[in-house]
Amino acid sequence: MWNTCWIMHMCMYISLCISCMPKQVFYSQLEQGTRSHGGQRQRYKDVLKSNLKACNIDPHDLESSVQDRSSWRALYKTSVLQFESDRVNKLQEKRSQRKAGVRPTTGGFTCVTCGRICASRIGLFSHNRTHS
């Protein structure tokens, strides 16, 4: 989320100059290169877009919303606080489910002897060996 503070500064700077280097870098696409193994490195603007979506800020209206500094700061602060509280609540709920021993019931393979849910078929096969 650190880059959302910097984005306000860049949008203000970019709006001042028509054809400058930061604008070309900020909005550019990679024209050549090779794909790396194990997933691609995200570009700065992809990371920024996912961060804005996580904070419920519309990325398409970014340049217009940054023009009014006080409203942008208020929107940014409330959005980040909401995101952080949602993240903490999800982690606490996940921890309480883990401590309570609640197992997810979606998908998986169920043991006919004890009812344990295994994530894979080979895991179920390995688990069934404990019953014999």
N, C-alpha and C. Protein backbone atom coordinates (compact mmCIF):
# COMPACT_ATOMS: atom_id res chain seq x y z
N MET A 1 0.80 -1.20 0.00
CA MET A 1 0.00 0.00 0.00
C MET A 1 0.85 1.27 0.00
N TRP A 2 2.17 1.11 0.11
CA TRP A 2 3.05 2.27 0.16
C TRP A 2 3.00 3.08 -1.13
N ASN A 3 2.71 2.42 -2.24
CA ASN A 3 2.79 3.11 -3.51
C ASN A 3 1.59 4.00 -3.78
N THR A 4 0.52 3.89 -3.02
CA THR A 4 -0.63 4.76 -3.26
C THR A 4 -0.35 6.20 -2.83
N CYS A 5 0.54 6.40 -1.85
CA CYS A 5 0.93 7.77 -1.49
C CYS A 5 1.74 8.39 -2.61
N TRP A 6 2.64 7.60 -3.17
CA TRP A 6 3.51 8.11 -4.21
C TRP A 6 2.73 8.37 -5.49
N ILE A 7 1.66 7.63 -5.72
CA ILE A 7 0.90 7.77 -6.96
C ILE A 7 0.25 9.15 -7.05
N MET A 8 -0.17 9.69 -5.92
CA MET A 8 -0.76 11.02 -5.93
C MET A 8 0.27 12.03 -6.43
N HIS A 9 1.48 11.92 -5.92
CA HIS A 9 2.54 12.83 -6.34
C HIS A 9 2.82 12.69 -7.83
N MET A 10 2.89 11.45 -8.32
CA MET A 10 3.18 11.23 -9.74
C MET A 10 2.06 11.73 -10.64
N CYS A 11 0.80 11.50 -10.24
CA CYS A 11 -0.31 11.97 -11.07
C CYS A 11 -0.32 13.49 -11.15
N MET A 12 -0.01 14.15 -10.06
CA MET A 12 0.05 15.60 -10.09
C MET A 12 1.19 16.06 -11.00
N TYR A 13 2.33 15.40 -10.91
CA TYR A 13 3.48 15.76 -11.73
C TYR A 13 3.21 15.48 -13.20
N ILE A 14 2.60 14.35 -13.49
CA ILE A 14 2.33 13.96 -14.88
C ILE A 14 1.32 14.91 -15.52
N SER A 15 0.35 15.36 -14.74
CA SER A 15 -0.64 16.26 -15.31
C SER A 15 -0.05 17.62 -15.67
N LEU A 16 1.09 17.97 -15.08
CA LEU A 16 1.71 19.25 -15.38
C LEU A 16 2.50 19.22 -16.69
N CYS A 17 3.14 18.11 -16.98
CA CYS A 17 3.94 18.06 -18.21
C CYS A 17 3.26 17.14 -19.22
N ILE A 18 3.21 17.58 -20.45
CA ILE A 18 2.47 16.87 -21.50
C ILE A 18 3.24 15.66 -21.99
N SER A 19 4.47 15.81 -22.39
CA SER A 19 5.25 14.68 -22.93
C SER A 19 6.57 14.59 -22.19
N CYS A 20 6.53 14.03 -21.02
CA CYS A 20 7.75 13.90 -20.24
C CYS A 20 8.05 12.43 -19.99
N MET A 21 9.24 12.17 -19.54
CA MET A 21 9.70 10.79 -19.34
C MET A 21 8.87 10.04 -18.29
N PRO A 22 8.53 10.61 -17.12
CA PRO A 22 7.73 9.84 -16.16
C PRO A 22 6.39 9.38 -16.72
N LYS A 23 5.77 10.20 -17.56
CA LYS A 23 4.49 9.80 -18.14
C LYS A 23 4.67 8.61 -19.06
N GLN A 24 5.75 8.62 -19.84
CA GLN A 24 6.01 7.50 -20.74
C GLN A 24 6.31 6.23 -19.96
N VAL A 25 7.05 6.34 -18.87
CA VAL A 25 7.37 5.17 -18.05
C VAL A 25 6.14 4.68 -17.31
N PHE A 26 5.35 5.60 -16.78
CA PHE A 26 4.20 5.25 -15.95
C PHE A 26 3.12 4.53 -16.75
N TYR A 27 2.89 4.93 -17.97
CA TYR A 27 1.83 4.35 -18.78
C TYR A 27 2.33 3.39 -19.86
N SER A 28 3.60 3.06 -19.87
CA SER A 28 4.14 2.26 -20.96
C SER A 28 3.89 0.77 -20.77
N GLN A 29 4.06 0.03 -21.84
CA GLN A 29 3.98 -1.42 -21.86
C GLN A 29 5.36 -1.94 -22.26
N LEU A 30 5.66 -3.16 -21.86
CA LEU A 30 6.91 -3.75 -22.29
C LEU A 30 6.77 -4.22 -23.73
N GLU A 31 7.70 -3.83 -24.58
CA GLU A 31 7.61 -4.20 -25.98
C GLU A 31 8.37 -5.47 -26.30
N GLN A 32 9.39 -5.78 -25.54
CA GLN A 32 10.16 -6.98 -25.83
C GLN A 32 10.64 -7.58 -24.52
N GLY A 33 11.06 -8.83 -24.59
CA GLY A 33 11.55 -9.52 -23.40
C GLY A 33 11.08 -10.96 -23.42
N THR A 34 11.50 -11.71 -22.44
CA THR A 34 11.10 -13.11 -22.35
C THR A 34 10.31 -13.34 -21.09
N ARG A 35 9.53 -14.40 -21.10
CA ARG A 35 8.72 -14.75 -19.94
C ARG A 35 9.58 -15.55 -18.97
N SER A 36 9.47 -15.24 -17.71
CA SER A 36 10.25 -15.97 -16.71
C SER A 36 9.44 -17.16 -16.20
N HIS A 37 10.14 -18.13 -15.67
CA HIS A 37 9.49 -19.32 -15.14
C HIS A 37 8.89 -19.01 -13.77
N GLY A 38 7.81 -19.71 -13.44
CA GLY A 38 7.21 -19.55 -12.12
C GLY A 38 6.36 -18.31 -11.96
N GLY A 39 5.81 -17.79 -13.01
CA GLY A 39 4.96 -16.60 -12.92
C GLY A 39 5.73 -15.35 -13.29
N GLN A 40 5.01 -14.40 -13.80
CA GLN A 40 5.64 -13.19 -14.30
C GLN A 40 5.75 -12.15 -13.20
N ARG A 41 6.79 -11.35 -13.27
CA ARG A 41 6.91 -10.22 -12.36
C ARG A 41 5.88 -9.18 -12.78
N GLN A 42 5.14 -8.69 -11.82
CA GLN A 42 4.13 -7.70 -12.15
C GLN A 42 4.78 -6.34 -12.34
N ARG A 43 4.23 -5.59 -13.29
CA ARG A 43 4.68 -4.23 -13.49
C ARG A 43 4.18 -3.36 -12.35
N TYR A 44 4.75 -2.19 -12.22
CA TYR A 44 4.35 -1.27 -11.16
C TYR A 44 2.87 -0.94 -11.26
N LYS A 45 2.40 -0.68 -12.47
CA LYS A 45 1.00 -0.28 -12.60
C LYS A 45 0.06 -1.45 -12.31
N ASP A 46 0.48 -2.70 -12.52
CA ASP A 46 -0.35 -3.84 -12.16
C ASP A 46 -0.48 -3.99 -10.65
N VAL A 47 0.64 -3.79 -9.96
CA VAL A 47 0.63 -3.86 -8.49
C VAL A 47 -0.23 -2.72 -7.93
N LEU A 48 -0.07 -1.54 -8.50
CA LEU A 48 -0.86 -0.39 -8.06
C LEU A 48 -2.35 -0.63 -8.27
N LYS A 49 -2.71 -1.19 -9.42
CA LYS A 49 -4.11 -1.44 -9.71
C LYS A 49 -4.70 -2.46 -8.73
N SER A 50 -3.95 -3.51 -8.42
CA SER A 50 -4.46 -4.51 -7.48
C SER A 50 -4.58 -3.92 -6.07
N ASN A 51 -3.63 -3.05 -5.69
CA ASN A 51 -3.73 -2.40 -4.38
C ASN A 51 -4.93 -1.47 -4.30
N LEU A 52 -5.19 -0.73 -5.37
CA LEU A 52 -6.34 0.16 -5.38
C LEU A 52 -7.64 -0.63 -5.32
N LYS A 53 -7.72 -1.75 -6.04
CA LYS A 53 -8.92 -2.57 -5.99
C LYS A 53 -9.12 -3.17 -4.61
N ALA A 54 -8.02 -3.55 -3.95
CA ALA A 54 -8.13 -4.11 -2.60
C ALA A 54 -8.66 -3.07 -1.62
N CYS A 55 -8.37 -1.80 -1.88
CA CYS A 55 -8.85 -0.72 -1.02
C CYS A 55 -10.18 -0.13 -1.49
N ASN A 56 -10.81 -0.73 -2.48
CA ASN A 56 -12.09 -0.26 -3.04
C ASN A 56 -12.00 1.15 -3.60
N ILE A 57 -10.89 1.44 -4.27
CA ILE A 57 -10.73 2.71 -4.98
C ILE A 57 -10.74 2.39 -6.46
N ASP A 58 -11.55 3.11 -7.22
CA ASP A 58 -11.67 2.83 -8.64
C ASP A 58 -10.41 3.30 -9.37
N PRO A 59 -9.66 2.37 -10.00
CA PRO A 59 -8.42 2.77 -10.68
C PRO A 59 -8.65 3.62 -11.92
N HIS A 60 -9.83 3.55 -12.51
CA HIS A 60 -10.09 4.33 -13.72
C HIS A 60 -10.25 5.82 -13.43
N ASP A 61 -10.70 6.16 -12.24
CA ASP A 61 -10.89 7.57 -11.87
C ASP A 61 -9.72 8.11 -11.05
N LEU A 62 -8.58 7.48 -11.16
CA LEU A 62 -7.45 7.83 -10.30
C LEU A 62 -6.95 9.25 -10.58
N GLU A 63 -6.74 9.59 -11.83
CA GLU A 63 -6.19 10.91 -12.14
C GLU A 63 -7.13 12.04 -11.73
N SER A 64 -8.42 11.83 -11.90
CA SER A 64 -9.35 12.90 -11.52
C SER A 64 -9.49 12.99 -10.00
N SER A 65 -9.43 11.86 -9.30
CA SER A 65 -9.59 11.91 -7.85
C SER A 65 -8.36 12.47 -7.15
N VAL A 66 -7.19 12.38 -7.77
CA VAL A 66 -5.96 12.87 -7.16
C VAL A 66 -5.85 14.39 -7.27
N GLN A 67 -6.57 15.00 -8.17
CA GLN A 67 -6.46 16.44 -8.37
C GLN A 67 -6.85 17.23 -7.12
N ASP A 68 -7.87 16.76 -6.40
CA ASP A 68 -8.25 17.41 -5.15
C ASP A 68 -7.53 16.71 -4.01
N ARG A 69 -6.49 17.34 -3.50
CA ARG A 69 -5.59 16.70 -2.55
C ARG A 69 -6.28 16.31 -1.25
N SER A 70 -7.10 17.17 -0.70
CA SER A 70 -7.72 16.87 0.60
C SER A 70 -8.72 15.72 0.50
N SER A 71 -9.50 15.69 -0.58
CA SER A 71 -10.45 14.58 -0.72
C SER A 71 -9.72 13.27 -1.02
N TRP A 72 -8.59 13.34 -1.77
CA TRP A 72 -7.81 12.13 -2.04
C TRP A 72 -7.22 11.57 -0.75
N ARG A 73 -6.68 12.45 0.08
CA ARG A 73 -6.09 11.98 1.34
C ARG A 73 -7.14 11.36 2.24
N ALA A 74 -8.33 11.96 2.28
CA ALA A 74 -9.41 11.41 3.11
C ALA A 74 -9.86 10.06 2.56
N LEU A 75 -10.03 9.97 1.24
CA LEU A 75 -10.42 8.71 0.60
C LEU A 75 -9.36 7.64 0.83
N TYR A 76 -8.11 8.01 0.67
CA TYR A 76 -7.00 7.07 0.84
C TYR A 76 -6.94 6.55 2.27
N LYS A 77 -7.02 7.45 3.24
CA LYS A 77 -6.91 7.03 4.64
C LYS A 77 -8.06 6.13 5.06
N THR A 78 -9.29 6.49 4.67
CA THR A 78 -10.43 5.65 5.06
C THR A 78 -10.38 4.30 4.35
N SER A 79 -9.97 4.30 3.10
CA SER A 79 -9.90 3.04 2.35
C SER A 79 -8.83 2.11 2.91
N VAL A 80 -7.68 2.64 3.24
CA VAL A 80 -6.61 1.81 3.79
C VAL A 80 -6.98 1.30 5.18
N LEU A 81 -7.60 2.14 5.99
CA LEU A 81 -8.04 1.68 7.32
C LEU A 81 -9.08 0.58 7.20
N GLN A 82 -10.01 0.70 6.26
CA GLN A 82 -11.03 -0.33 6.04
C GLN A 82 -10.38 -1.62 5.55
N PHE A 83 -9.43 -1.50 4.63
CA PHE A 83 -8.72 -2.68 4.12
C PHE A 83 -7.98 -3.38 5.25
N GLU A 84 -7.29 -2.61 6.07
CA GLU A 84 -6.51 -3.19 7.16
C GLU A 84 -7.40 -3.87 8.19
N SER A 85 -8.54 -3.26 8.52
CA SER A 85 -9.45 -3.89 9.49
C SER A 85 -10.07 -5.16 8.91
N ASP A 86 -10.41 -5.15 7.61
CA ASP A 86 -10.92 -6.37 6.98
C ASP A 86 -9.88 -7.48 6.98
N ARG A 87 -8.63 -7.11 6.70
CA ARG A 87 -7.55 -8.10 6.68
C ARG A 87 -7.34 -8.72 8.06
N VAL A 88 -7.35 -7.89 9.10
CA VAL A 88 -7.17 -8.39 10.46
C VAL A 88 -8.35 -9.28 10.86
N ASN A 89 -9.57 -8.87 10.50
CA ASN A 89 -10.75 -9.68 10.83
C ASN A 89 -10.70 -11.04 10.14
N LYS A 90 -10.28 -11.07 8.88
CA LYS A 90 -10.17 -12.35 8.16
C LYS A 90 -9.12 -13.25 8.80
N LEU A 91 -8.00 -12.65 9.22
CA LEU A 91 -6.96 -13.44 9.87
C LEU A 91 -7.43 -13.99 11.21
N GLN A 92 -8.16 -13.18 11.98
CA GLN A 92 -8.67 -13.64 13.27
C GLN A 92 -9.70 -14.74 13.08
N GLU A 93 -10.56 -14.60 12.07
CA GLU A 93 -11.55 -15.65 11.80
C GLU A 93 -10.87 -16.94 11.36
N LYS A 94 -9.87 -16.82 10.52
CA LYS A 94 -9.12 -17.98 10.06
C LYS A 94 -8.42 -18.68 11.23
N ARG A 95 -7.85 -17.89 12.14
CA ARG A 95 -7.18 -18.45 13.31
C ARG A 95 -8.18 -19.14 14.23
N SER A 96 -9.34 -18.53 14.44
CA SER A 96 -10.33 -19.14 15.33
C SER A 96 -10.86 -20.45 14.75
N GLN A 97 -11.02 -20.51 13.42
CA GLN A 97 -11.43 -21.77 12.79
C GLN A 97 -10.35 -22.83 12.94
N ARG A 98 -9.10 -22.42 12.80
CA ARG A 98 -8.01 -23.37 12.93
C ARG A 98 -7.91 -23.90 14.37
N LYS A 99 -8.09 -23.01 15.35
CA LYS A 99 -8.01 -23.41 16.75
C LYS A 99 -9.21 -24.25 17.17
N ALA A 100 -10.38 -24.02 16.53
CA ALA A 100 -11.58 -24.77 16.88
C ALA A 100 -11.59 -26.14 16.22
N GLY A 101 -10.69 -26.37 15.28
CA GLY A 101 -10.63 -27.66 14.61
C GLY A 101 -11.63 -27.80 13.49
N VAL A 102 -12.19 -26.71 13.02
CA VAL A 102 -13.15 -26.75 11.92
C VAL A 102 -12.38 -26.94 10.63
N ARG A 103 -12.73 -27.95 9.87
CA ARG A 103 -12.05 -28.22 8.60
C ARG A 103 -12.94 -27.80 7.46
N PRO A 104 -12.36 -27.29 6.41
CA PRO A 104 -13.18 -26.88 5.27
C PRO A 104 -13.85 -28.09 4.63
N THR A 105 -15.10 -27.92 4.24
CA THR A 105 -15.87 -29.02 3.67
C THR A 105 -15.93 -28.95 2.15
N THR A 106 -15.31 -27.96 1.56
CA THR A 106 -15.38 -27.83 0.10
C THR A 106 -14.35 -28.73 -0.55
N GLY A 107 -14.80 -29.55 -1.48
CA GLY A 107 -13.91 -30.40 -2.25
C GLY A 107 -13.23 -31.46 -1.40
N GLY A 108 -12.28 -32.11 -1.96
CA GLY A 108 -11.49 -33.08 -1.23
C GLY A 108 -12.10 -34.47 -1.27
N PHE A 109 -11.44 -35.39 -0.59
CA PHE A 109 -11.83 -36.79 -0.54
C PHE A 109 -12.08 -37.16 0.91
N THR A 110 -13.22 -37.79 1.19
CA THR A 110 -13.61 -38.11 2.55
C THR A 110 -13.29 -39.56 2.88
N CYS A 111 -12.71 -39.76 4.05
CA CYS A 111 -12.42 -41.11 4.53
C CYS A 111 -13.72 -41.76 4.98
N VAL A 112 -13.99 -42.99 4.54
CA VAL A 112 -15.24 -43.68 4.89
C VAL A 112 -15.20 -44.19 6.33
N THR A 113 -14.02 -44.35 6.91
CA THR A 113 -13.91 -44.89 8.26
C THR A 113 -14.10 -43.81 9.32
N CYS A 114 -13.36 -42.71 9.20
CA CYS A 114 -13.42 -41.68 10.25
C CYS A 114 -14.01 -40.36 9.79
N GLY A 115 -14.23 -40.17 8.49
CA GLY A 115 -14.83 -38.93 7.99
C GLY A 115 -13.85 -37.80 7.75
N ARG A 116 -12.57 -38.06 7.88
CA ARG A 116 -11.58 -37.02 7.64
C ARG A 116 -11.57 -36.64 6.16
N ILE A 117 -11.41 -35.34 5.88
CA ILE A 117 -11.38 -34.85 4.52
C ILE A 117 -9.92 -34.64 4.11
N CYS A 118 -9.51 -35.32 3.06
CA CYS A 118 -8.15 -35.18 2.53
C CYS A 118 -8.20 -34.34 1.26
N ALA A 119 -7.16 -33.56 1.04
CA ALA A 119 -7.14 -32.65 -0.09
C ALA A 119 -6.93 -33.37 -1.42
N SER A 120 -6.25 -34.52 -1.40
CA SER A 120 -5.96 -35.22 -2.64
C SER A 120 -6.26 -36.70 -2.50
N ARG A 121 -6.33 -37.37 -3.63
CA ARG A 121 -6.62 -38.80 -3.64
C ARG A 121 -5.47 -39.59 -3.01
N ILE A 122 -4.24 -39.20 -3.30
CA ILE A 122 -3.10 -39.89 -2.72
C ILE A 122 -3.04 -39.66 -1.21
N GLY A 123 -3.47 -38.48 -0.77
CA GLY A 123 -3.54 -38.22 0.67
C GLY A 123 -4.55 -39.12 1.35
N LEU A 124 -5.68 -39.35 0.69
CA LEU A 124 -6.69 -40.26 1.24
C LEU A 124 -6.14 -41.68 1.28
N PHE A 125 -5.42 -42.08 0.25
CA PHE A 125 -4.84 -43.42 0.21
C PHE A 125 -3.84 -43.58 1.35
N SER A 126 -3.00 -42.58 1.58
CA SER A 126 -2.03 -42.62 2.66
C SER A 126 -2.73 -42.63 4.02
N HIS A 127 -3.80 -41.88 4.14
CA HIS A 127 -4.55 -41.83 5.40
C HIS A 127 -5.22 -43.18 5.68
N ASN A 128 -5.75 -43.82 4.65
CA ASN A 128 -6.42 -45.12 4.84
C ASN A 128 -5.46 -46.18 5.34
N ARG A 129 -4.17 -46.03 5.09
CA ARG A 129 -3.19 -46.99 5.58
C ARG A 129 -3.10 -46.97 7.09
N THR A 130 -3.48 -45.84 7.74
CA THR A 130 -3.44 -45.76 9.19
C THR A 130 -4.55 -46.58 9.83
N HIS A 131 -5.62 -46.87 9.08
CA HIS A 131 -6.73 -47.64 9.63
C HIS A 131 -6.50 -49.15 9.55
N SER A 132 -5.51 -49.60 8.81
CA SER A 132 -5.32 -51.05 8.68
C SER A 132 -4.23 -51.59 9.57
